[in-house]
N, C-alpha and C. Protein backbone atom coordinates (compact mmCIF):
# COMPACT_ATOMS: atom_id res chain seq x y z
N MET A 1 1.06 -0.90 0.05
CA MET A 1 0.03 -0.09 -0.15
C MET A 1 0.59 0.90 -0.38
N LYS A 2 0.02 1.70 -0.18
CA LYS A 2 1.66 3.92 -0.89
C LYS A 2 1.12 4.79 0.33
N GLN A 3 2.40 4.77 1.28
CA GLN A 3 2.35 5.83 2.02
C GLN A 3 1.75 7.47 1.65
N PRO A 4 1.26 7.83 2.33
CA PRO A 4 0.69 9.27 1.58
C PRO A 4 1.88 10.31 2.10
N PRO A 5 1.65 11.27 1.09
CA PRO A 5 3.03 12.30 1.32
C PRO A 5 2.32 13.26 2.61
N ARG A 6 3.40 13.01 3.22
CA ARG A 6 3.86 14.30 4.47
C ARG A 6 3.23 15.46 4.42
N SER A 7 2.24 15.75 3.54
CA SER A 7 1.39 16.73 3.19
C SER A 7 0.63 16.15 2.84
N HIS A 8 -0.06 15.39 3.27
CA HIS A 8 -1.29 14.81 3.37
C HIS A 8 -2.50 15.14 4.96
N PRO A 9 -3.29 15.74 4.23
CA PRO A 9 -4.09 15.99 5.72
C PRO A 9 -3.87 14.75 6.14
N LEU A 10 -4.39 14.06 5.74
CA LEU A 10 -4.71 12.96 6.59
C LEU A 10 -3.45 12.18 7.37
N TRP A 11 -1.76 12.96 6.85
CA TRP A 11 -1.09 12.09 7.94
C TRP A 11 -0.52 13.40 8.67
N PHE A 12 -1.22 14.54 8.45
CA PHE A 12 -0.98 15.63 10.01
C PHE A 12 -2.48 14.52 10.70
N ALA A 13 -3.20 13.89 11.34
CA ALA A 13 -4.31 12.80 11.48
C ALA A 13 -3.08 12.09 12.48
N PHE A 14 -2.44 11.39 11.59
CA PHE A 14 -1.74 10.22 11.91
C PHE A 14 -1.41 10.83 13.13
N VAL A 15 -0.24 11.71 12.72
CA VAL A 15 1.37 12.03 13.85
C VAL A 15 -0.53 12.34 14.94
N LEU A 16 -1.05 13.33 15.00
CA LEU A 16 -1.79 13.60 16.17
C LEU A 16 -2.51 13.08 17.11
N HIS A 17 -2.76 11.16 16.73
CA HIS A 17 -3.25 10.57 17.08
C HIS A 17 -2.60 9.86 17.11
N ARG A 18 -1.17 9.99 17.35
CA ARG A 18 0.05 9.13 17.29
C ARG A 18 0.63 10.68 18.83
N ILE A 19 1.22 11.74 19.43
CA ILE A 19 1.66 12.71 20.20
C ILE A 19 0.22 12.27 20.51
N SER A 20 -1.50 12.39 20.45
CA SER A 20 -1.76 12.07 21.57
C SER A 20 -1.99 10.95 22.97
N GLY A 21 -1.92 10.08 21.72
CA GLY A 21 -1.52 8.14 22.80
C GLY A 21 0.33 8.78 23.44
N LEU A 22 0.98 9.33 23.00
CA LEU A 22 1.96 9.38 23.67
C LEU A 22 1.76 10.20 25.08
N ALA A 23 1.06 11.03 25.25
CA ALA A 23 0.51 12.49 26.01
C ALA A 23 -0.12 11.69 27.11
N LEU A 24 -0.66 10.96 26.63
CA LEU A 24 -1.73 10.42 27.11
C LEU A 24 -1.15 9.12 27.84
N ALA A 25 -1.03 8.18 27.42
CA ALA A 25 0.35 7.47 27.49
C ALA A 25 1.18 7.52 28.94
N LEU A 26 1.40 9.33 28.88
CA LEU A 26 2.66 9.94 30.18
C LEU A 26 1.32 10.83 30.95
N PHE A 27 0.88 10.41 31.20
CA PHE A 27 -0.31 10.78 31.49
C PHE A 27 -0.69 10.47 32.99
N LEU A 28 -1.18 9.33 32.31
CA LEU A 28 -1.89 7.97 32.97
C LEU A 28 -0.85 8.14 34.49
N PRO A 29 -0.10 7.57 34.86
CA PRO A 29 0.97 7.63 36.11
C PRO A 29 0.39 8.36 37.04
N ALA A 30 0.97 9.40 36.45
CA ALA A 30 0.73 11.42 37.24
C ALA A 30 -0.54 10.73 37.81
N HIS A 31 -1.64 10.62 36.90
CA HIS A 31 -2.97 10.19 37.06
C HIS A 31 -2.63 9.78 38.27
N PHE A 32 -2.67 8.21 38.83
CA PHE A 32 -2.65 6.98 39.70
C PHE A 32 -2.18 7.78 40.12
N TRP A 33 -1.43 7.85 39.99
CA TRP A 33 -0.17 8.96 41.42
C TRP A 33 -1.25 10.36 42.34
N LEU A 34 -1.50 10.64 41.51
CA LEU A 34 -2.42 11.71 41.89
C LEU A 34 -3.88 10.87 42.78
N LEU A 35 -4.45 9.85 42.34
CA LEU A 35 -5.63 9.12 42.67
C LEU A 35 -5.03 9.02 43.91
N SER A 36 -3.61 7.80 44.45
CA SER A 36 -3.28 7.14 45.26
C SER A 36 -3.40 7.78 46.84
N GLN A 37 -2.86 9.70 46.60
CA GLN A 37 -2.77 10.05 47.25
C GLN A 37 -4.33 10.81 48.40
N ALA A 38 -5.07 9.66 47.42
CA ALA A 38 -6.57 9.48 48.40
C ALA A 38 -6.68 8.89 49.75
N ILE A 39 -5.41 7.43 49.47
CA ILE A 39 -5.80 7.45 50.46
C ILE A 39 -4.37 7.20 51.44
N THR A 40 -3.66 7.23 50.48
CA THR A 40 -2.23 8.21 51.62
C THR A 40 -2.04 9.19 52.01
N ALA A 41 -2.17 9.95 51.00
CA ALA A 41 -1.97 11.44 51.97
C ALA A 41 -3.37 12.09 51.35
N PRO A 42 -4.42 12.22 52.50
CA PRO A 42 -5.20 12.47 51.96
C PRO A 42 -5.19 14.08 52.35
N ALA A 43 -3.94 14.72 52.80
CA ALA A 43 -3.43 16.13 53.22
C ALA A 43 -2.81 17.10 51.64
N ARG A 44 -2.18 15.60 51.21
CA ARG A 44 -1.30 16.30 50.09
C ARG A 44 -2.88 16.06 48.69
N LEU A 45 -3.19 15.10 48.93
CA LEU A 45 -4.66 16.49 48.18
C LEU A 45 -5.34 17.08 48.17
N ASP A 46 -5.60 17.38 49.08
CA ASP A 46 -7.37 18.64 49.38
C ASP A 46 -5.36 19.82 48.68
N GLY A 47 -3.94 18.91 48.79
CA GLY A 47 -3.75 21.25 48.89
C GLY A 47 -3.30 21.14 47.48
N PHE A 48 -3.26 19.16 46.18
CA PHE A 48 -3.29 19.32 45.06
C PHE A 48 -4.71 19.71 44.50
N LEU A 49 -5.64 19.77 44.80
CA LEU A 49 -7.20 20.27 44.78
C LEU A 49 -7.69 21.40 44.63
N ALA A 50 -6.19 22.00 45.36
CA ALA A 50 -6.80 23.53 45.67
C ALA A 50 -6.15 24.35 44.64
N PHE A 51 -5.07 23.51 44.87
CA PHE A 51 -4.02 24.46 42.71
C PHE A 51 -5.29 24.30 41.89
N ALA A 52 -5.72 22.90 42.20
CA ALA A 52 -5.95 22.66 40.31
C ALA A 52 -6.85 24.35 40.50
N GLU A 53 -7.70 24.30 41.24
CA GLU A 53 -8.60 25.65 41.01
C GLU A 53 -7.91 26.92 40.02
N ASN A 54 -6.17 26.92 39.99
CA ASN A 54 -6.10 27.68 39.10
C ASN A 54 -5.88 27.46 37.74
N PRO A 55 -6.38 29.07 36.97
CA PRO A 55 -6.82 28.98 35.67
C PRO A 55 -5.68 27.95 34.81
N LEU A 56 -5.28 28.40 34.92
CA LEU A 56 -3.55 27.11 34.06
C LEU A 56 -4.29 26.22 33.97
N VAL A 57 -4.46 25.72 35.02
CA VAL A 57 -4.78 24.02 35.14
C VAL A 57 -6.05 23.86 34.70
N LYS A 58 -6.76 24.37 34.88
CA LYS A 58 -8.14 24.77 33.94
C LYS A 58 -7.65 24.56 31.67
N ILE A 59 -6.99 25.41 31.60
CA ILE A 59 -6.94 24.94 30.63
C ILE A 59 -5.72 23.98 30.06
N ALA A 60 -4.69 23.81 31.02
CA ALA A 60 -3.82 22.55 30.47
C ALA A 60 -5.17 20.86 30.86
N GLU A 61 -6.40 20.93 32.34
CA GLU A 61 -7.47 19.54 32.08
C GLU A 61 -8.07 20.44 30.35
N PHE A 62 -8.41 21.21 29.86
CA PHE A 62 -9.09 21.65 28.10
C PHE A 62 -8.25 20.71 27.23
N GLY A 63 -6.69 20.28 28.08
CA GLY A 63 -5.98 20.41 26.54
C GLY A 63 -5.93 18.92 26.78
N LEU A 64 -5.94 18.29 28.14
CA LEU A 64 -5.90 16.74 28.70
C LEU A 64 -7.81 16.38 27.63
N VAL A 65 -8.38 17.06 27.76
CA VAL A 65 -9.71 16.36 27.21
C VAL A 65 -9.39 16.70 25.99
N PHE A 66 -8.74 17.73 24.70
CA PHE A 66 -8.99 17.04 23.24
C PHE A 66 -7.94 15.99 23.15
N LEU A 67 -6.57 16.33 24.22
CA LEU A 67 -5.90 14.80 23.15
C LEU A 67 -6.16 13.95 24.18
N LEU A 68 -7.42 13.27 24.84
CA LEU A 68 -8.02 12.20 24.70
C LEU A 68 -9.67 12.20 23.92
N ALA A 69 -9.73 12.66 23.33
CA ALA A 69 -11.17 13.68 21.71
C ALA A 69 -10.64 13.35 21.32
N VAL A 70 -8.93 14.11 21.00
CA VAL A 70 -8.88 13.43 19.52
C VAL A 70 -8.66 11.83 19.37
N HIS A 71 -7.67 11.19 20.20
CA HIS A 71 -6.94 10.00 20.79
C HIS A 71 -8.33 8.88 20.14
N MET A 72 -9.56 9.48 20.42
CA MET A 72 -10.65 8.78 20.74
C MET A 72 -11.47 8.95 19.61
N PHE A 73 -11.86 10.25 18.54
CA PHE A 73 -11.43 9.54 17.44
C PHE A 73 -10.72 9.34 15.61
N GLY A 74 -9.54 9.56 16.79
CA GLY A 74 -8.11 9.10 15.53
C GLY A 74 -8.66 7.42 15.58
N GLY A 75 -8.91 7.16 16.55
CA GLY A 75 -8.92 5.41 17.19
C GLY A 75 -10.15 5.06 15.76
N LEU A 76 -11.15 5.71 16.03
CA LEU A 76 -12.23 6.17 14.84
C LEU A 76 -12.00 5.95 13.56
N ARG A 77 -11.71 6.99 13.01
CA ARG A 77 -10.42 7.32 12.36
C ARG A 77 -10.17 5.64 11.27
N LEU A 78 -9.20 4.77 12.55
CA LEU A 78 -8.13 3.92 11.56
C LEU A 78 -9.46 2.56 11.97
N MET A 79 -9.69 2.74 12.63
CA MET A 79 -11.24 1.06 12.34
C MET A 79 -11.61 1.69 10.82
N ALA A 80 -12.20 2.46 11.32
CA ALA A 80 -12.68 2.93 9.61
C ALA A 80 -12.13 2.41 7.97
N LEU A 81 -11.08 2.85 8.57
CA LEU A 81 -9.59 2.77 7.29
C LEU A 81 -9.73 1.20 6.92
N GLU A 82 -9.46 0.69 8.21
CA GLU A 82 -9.43 -0.97 9.00
C GLU A 82 -10.79 -1.49 7.83
N PHE A 83 -11.68 -0.96 8.17
CA PHE A 83 -13.10 -1.90 7.80
C PHE A 83 -14.25 -1.23 6.72
N LEU A 84 -13.45 0.10 6.52
CA LEU A 84 -14.98 0.53 5.44
C LEU A 84 -13.65 0.88 3.96
N PRO A 85 -14.44 0.45 3.03
CA PRO A 85 -13.50 0.38 1.15
C PRO A 85 -12.62 2.38 1.26
N TRP A 86 -11.48 3.15 1.27
CA TRP A 86 -11.38 3.58 0.84
C TRP A 86 -11.97 5.35 -0.02
N SER A 87 -11.87 5.97 1.00
CA SER A 87 -13.07 7.47 -0.17
C SER A 87 -12.10 8.66 -0.28
N ASP A 88 -13.17 9.16 -1.35
CA ASP A 88 -12.31 10.93 -1.03
C ASP A 88 -12.99 11.49 0.95
N ARG A 89 -14.32 10.78 0.90
CA ARG A 89 -14.42 11.58 2.32
C ARG A 89 -13.17 11.25 3.38
N GLN A 90 -12.65 10.79 2.54
CA GLN A 90 -12.16 9.99 4.36
C GLN A 90 -11.64 11.98 5.39
N LYS A 91 -10.65 12.90 4.03
CA LYS A 91 -10.28 13.52 4.80
C LYS A 91 -11.12 14.03 5.59
N THR A 92 -12.57 14.14 5.55
CA THR A 92 -13.46 15.02 5.44
C THR A 92 -13.77 14.68 7.10
N LEU A 93 -14.22 13.10 6.93
CA LEU A 93 -14.06 12.71 8.13
C LEU A 93 -12.55 13.41 9.33
N ALA A 94 -11.81 13.05 8.71
CA ALA A 94 -10.37 13.80 9.70
C ALA A 94 -11.28 15.05 10.59
N ALA A 95 -10.87 15.99 9.84
CA ALA A 95 -11.54 17.27 9.91
C ALA A 95 -12.48 17.42 10.66
N GLY A 96 -13.48 16.72 10.27
CA GLY A 96 -14.85 16.74 11.60
C GLY A 96 -14.28 16.14 13.12
N ALA A 97 -13.88 15.41 12.74
CA ALA A 97 -12.55 14.51 14.43
C ALA A 97 -12.52 16.26 15.21
N VAL A 98 -11.45 15.90 14.81
CA VAL A 98 -11.08 17.00 15.48
C VAL A 98 -11.53 18.38 15.38
N GLY A 99 -12.58 18.08 15.10
CA GLY A 99 -14.11 19.79 14.97
C GLY A 99 -14.90 19.03 16.01
N ALA A 100 -14.52 17.78 16.41
CA ALA A 100 -15.47 17.32 17.32
C ALA A 100 -14.51 16.78 18.06
N ALA A 101 -13.18 16.83 18.57
CA ALA A 101 -12.77 16.96 20.13
C ALA A 101 -12.56 18.42 20.87
N LEU A 102 -12.22 19.23 19.65
CA LEU A 102 -12.54 20.11 19.94
C LEU A 102 -13.06 21.46 20.70
N PHE A 103 -14.54 20.84 20.11
CA PHE A 103 -16.80 20.92 20.29
C PHE A 103 -16.70 19.94 21.76
N LEU A 104 -15.61 19.35 22.26
CA LEU A 104 -15.69 18.08 23.52
C LEU A 104 -15.12 19.21 24.46
N SER A 105 -13.50 18.88 23.58
CA SER A 105 -13.05 19.81 25.01
C SER A 105 -13.14 20.83 25.16
N GLY A 106 -14.32 22.46 24.55
CA GLY A 106 -14.85 23.48 24.97
C GLY A 106 -15.95 23.13 25.70
N THR A 107 -16.94 22.85 25.18
CA THR A 107 -17.54 22.27 26.02
C THR A 107 -17.06 21.75 27.53
N PHE A 108 -16.02 21.25 28.31
CA PHE A 108 -15.54 20.61 29.53
C PHE A 108 -15.24 22.17 29.81
N PHE A 109 -14.24 22.71 29.13
CA PHE A 109 -13.69 23.93 29.93
C PHE A 109 -14.24 24.94 29.55
N LEU A 110 -15.31 25.43 28.91
CA LEU A 110 -16.56 26.48 29.63
C LEU A 110 -17.11 25.09 30.84
N ARG A 111 -17.29 24.20 30.89
CA ARG A 111 -17.61 23.97 32.24
C ARG A 111 -17.56 24.31 33.43
N ALA A 112 -15.94 23.96 33.15
CA ALA A 112 -14.97 23.75 34.25
C ALA A 112 -14.28 24.95 35.70
N ILE A 113 -14.08 26.42 34.17
CA ILE A 113 -14.55 27.87 34.48
C ILE A 113 -15.96 28.85 35.51
């Protein structure tokens, strides 16, 4: 199968899916450690939760939800590539997936602030 050139819009979708997967993989150990603080050091967890009210943290949470949504929609795109016949609409579907990810993460962000 011929690989798309790096200027192709689906190349950007591939890179975004990989970056979001790596970022989420790096985030998960930190998240699990923070959850463990609820059991082992509740005062430390309370301090972090107070820190989480910082507006910069809210923006970082927006980024995290965006990465999660991009990764989910990118995975759906890959499943479509595997199971559906190729069509020119896939560029539109990839752009729609990024738009849906922005909508979901933006909704989360607006509710968080």
